[in-house]
Amino acid sequence: MTATTTLTTSQQVALDALRWAEMRVESTSHPSRWLDNSYGEDTRALTRAREQARRAFPQGVPDL
């Protein structure tokens, strides 16, 4: 049996931002991308997304 959880809009936005940021960091983590600063920008976006998710989920961010 699968549990269903209803998310608020802010929680859904936070999870979507976190997923997007994690995918961006994965795609820019290759050393060839470090020179154009994409990796640094994407890691900062990931940090912001994690902070947003922590605010949206005070009891803990669910596993993606």
C-alpha atoms as a PDB file:
ATOM      1  CA  MET A   1       0.000   0.000   0.000  1.00  0.00           C
ATOM      2  CA  THR A   2       1.360   3.405  -0.959  1.00  0.00           C
ATOM      3  CA  ALA A   3       0.855   6.406   1.288  1.00  0.00           C
ATOM      4  CA  THR A   4      -0.357   9.567  -0.390  1.00  0.00           C
ATOM      5  CA  THR A   5       0.807  12.944   0.853  1.00  0.00           C
ATOM      6  CA  THR A   6      -0.807  16.223  -0.058  1.00  0.00           C
ATOM      7  CA  LEU A   7       1.723  19.003  -0.490  1.00  0.00           C
ATOM      8  CA  THR A   8       1.142  22.703  -0.149  1.00  0.00           C
ATOM      9  CA  THR A   9       2.045  24.895  -3.086  1.00  0.00           C
ATOM     10  CA  SER A  10       5.170  26.152  -1.308  1.00  0.00           C
ATOM     11  CA  GLN A  11       6.258  22.581  -0.570  1.00  0.00           C
ATOM     12  CA  GLN A  12       5.755  21.518  -4.192  1.00  0.00           C
ATOM     13  CA  VAL A  13       7.656  24.564  -5.445  1.00  0.00           C
ATOM     14  CA  ALA A  14      10.487  23.826  -2.994  1.00  0.00           C
ATOM     15  CA  LEU A  15      10.757  20.192  -4.120  1.00  0.00           C
ATOM     16  CA  ASP A  16      10.672  21.149  -7.801  1.00  0.00           C
ATOM     17  CA  ALA A  17      13.408  23.743  -7.254  1.00  0.00           C
ATOM     18  CA  LEU A  18      15.510  21.219  -5.352  1.00  0.00           C
ATOM     19  CA  ARG A  19      15.151  18.586  -8.091  1.00  0.00           C
ATOM     20  CA  TRP A  20      16.027  21.111 -10.792  1.00  0.00           C
ATOM     21  CA  ALA A  21      19.071  22.391  -8.895  1.00  0.00           C
ATOM     22  CA  GLU A  22      20.363  18.873  -8.223  1.00  0.00           C
ATOM     23  CA  MET A  23      20.042  17.980 -11.910  1.00  0.00           C
ATOM     24  CA  ARG A  24      21.846  21.184 -12.938  1.00  0.00           C
ATOM     25  CA  VAL A  25      24.753  20.499 -10.579  1.00  0.00           C
ATOM     26  CA  GLU A  26      25.043  16.961 -11.928  1.00  0.00           C
ATOM     27  CA  SER A  27      25.101  18.223 -15.507  1.00  0.00           C
ATOM     28  CA  THR A  28      27.710  20.930 -14.831  1.00  0.00           C
ATOM     29  CA  SER A  29      29.939  18.966 -12.471  1.00  0.00           C
ATOM     30  CA  HIS A  30      32.303  17.911 -15.268  1.00  0.00           C
ATOM     31  CA  PRO A  31      35.607  19.854 -15.043  1.00  0.00           C
ATOM     32  CA  SER A  32      35.173  21.179 -18.580  1.00  0.00           C
ATOM     33  CA  ARG A  33      32.188  23.216 -17.336  1.00  0.00           C
ATOM     34  CA  TRP A  34      34.016  24.783 -14.379  1.00  0.00           C
ATOM     35  CA  LEU A  35      35.750  27.391 -16.545  1.00  0.00           C
ATOM     36  CA  ASP A  36      32.524  29.098 -17.618  1.00  0.00           C
ATOM     37  CA  ASN A  37      31.362  29.427 -13.976  1.00  0.00           C
ATOM     38  CA  SER A  38      28.214  27.352 -14.550  1.00  0.00           C
ATOM     39  CA  TYR A  39      29.174  24.958 -11.786  1.00  0.00           C
ATOM     40  CA  GLY A  40      29.582  27.729  -9.206  1.00  0.00           C
ATOM     41  CA  GLU A  41      26.276  29.327 -10.154  1.00  0.00           C
ATOM     42  CA  ASP A  42      24.512  25.981 -10.036  1.00  0.00           C
ATOM     43  CA  THR A  43      25.945  25.024  -6.642  1.00  0.00           C
ATOM     44  CA  ARG A  44      24.737  28.363  -5.249  1.00  0.00           C
ATOM     45  CA  ALA A  45      21.284  27.674  -6.716  1.00  0.00           C
ATOM     46  CA  LEU A  46      21.339  24.241  -5.063  1.00  0.00           C
ATOM     47  CA  THR A  47      22.202  25.808  -1.699  1.00  0.00           C
ATOM     48  CA  ARG A  48      19.291  28.251  -2.053  1.00  0.00           C
ATOM     49  CA  ALA A  49      16.930  25.421  -3.063  1.00  0.00           C
ATOM     50  CA  ARG A  50      17.968  23.365  -0.034  1.00  0.00           C
ATOM     51  CA  GLU A  51      17.318  26.330   2.261  1.00  0.00           C
ATOM     52  CA  GLN A  52      13.903  26.869   0.659  1.00  0.00           C
ATOM     53  CA  ALA A  53      13.053  23.179   1.111  1.00  0.00           C
ATOM     54  CA  ARG A  54      14.102  23.267   4.778  1.00  0.00           C
ATOM     55  CA  ARG A  55      11.746  26.208   5.350  1.00  0.00           C
ATOM     56  CA  ALA A  56       8.897  24.455   3.513  1.00  0.00           C
ATOM     57  CA  PHE A  57       9.409  21.190   5.422  1.00  0.00           C
ATOM     58  CA  PRO A  58      10.203  22.041   9.075  1.00  0.00           C
ATOM     59  CA  GLN A  59       9.987  18.343  10.046  1.00  0.00           C
ATOM     60  CA  GLY A  60      12.544  17.393   7.420  1.00  0.00           C
ATOM     61  CA  VAL A  61      12.762  17.374   3.649  1.00  0.00           C
ATOM     62  CA  PRO A  62      11.429  14.118   2.165  1.00  0.00           C
ATOM     63  CA  ASP A  63      13.726  11.978   0.050  1.00  0.00           C
ATOM     64  CA  LEU A  64      13.517  12.705  -3.642  1.00  0.00           C
END
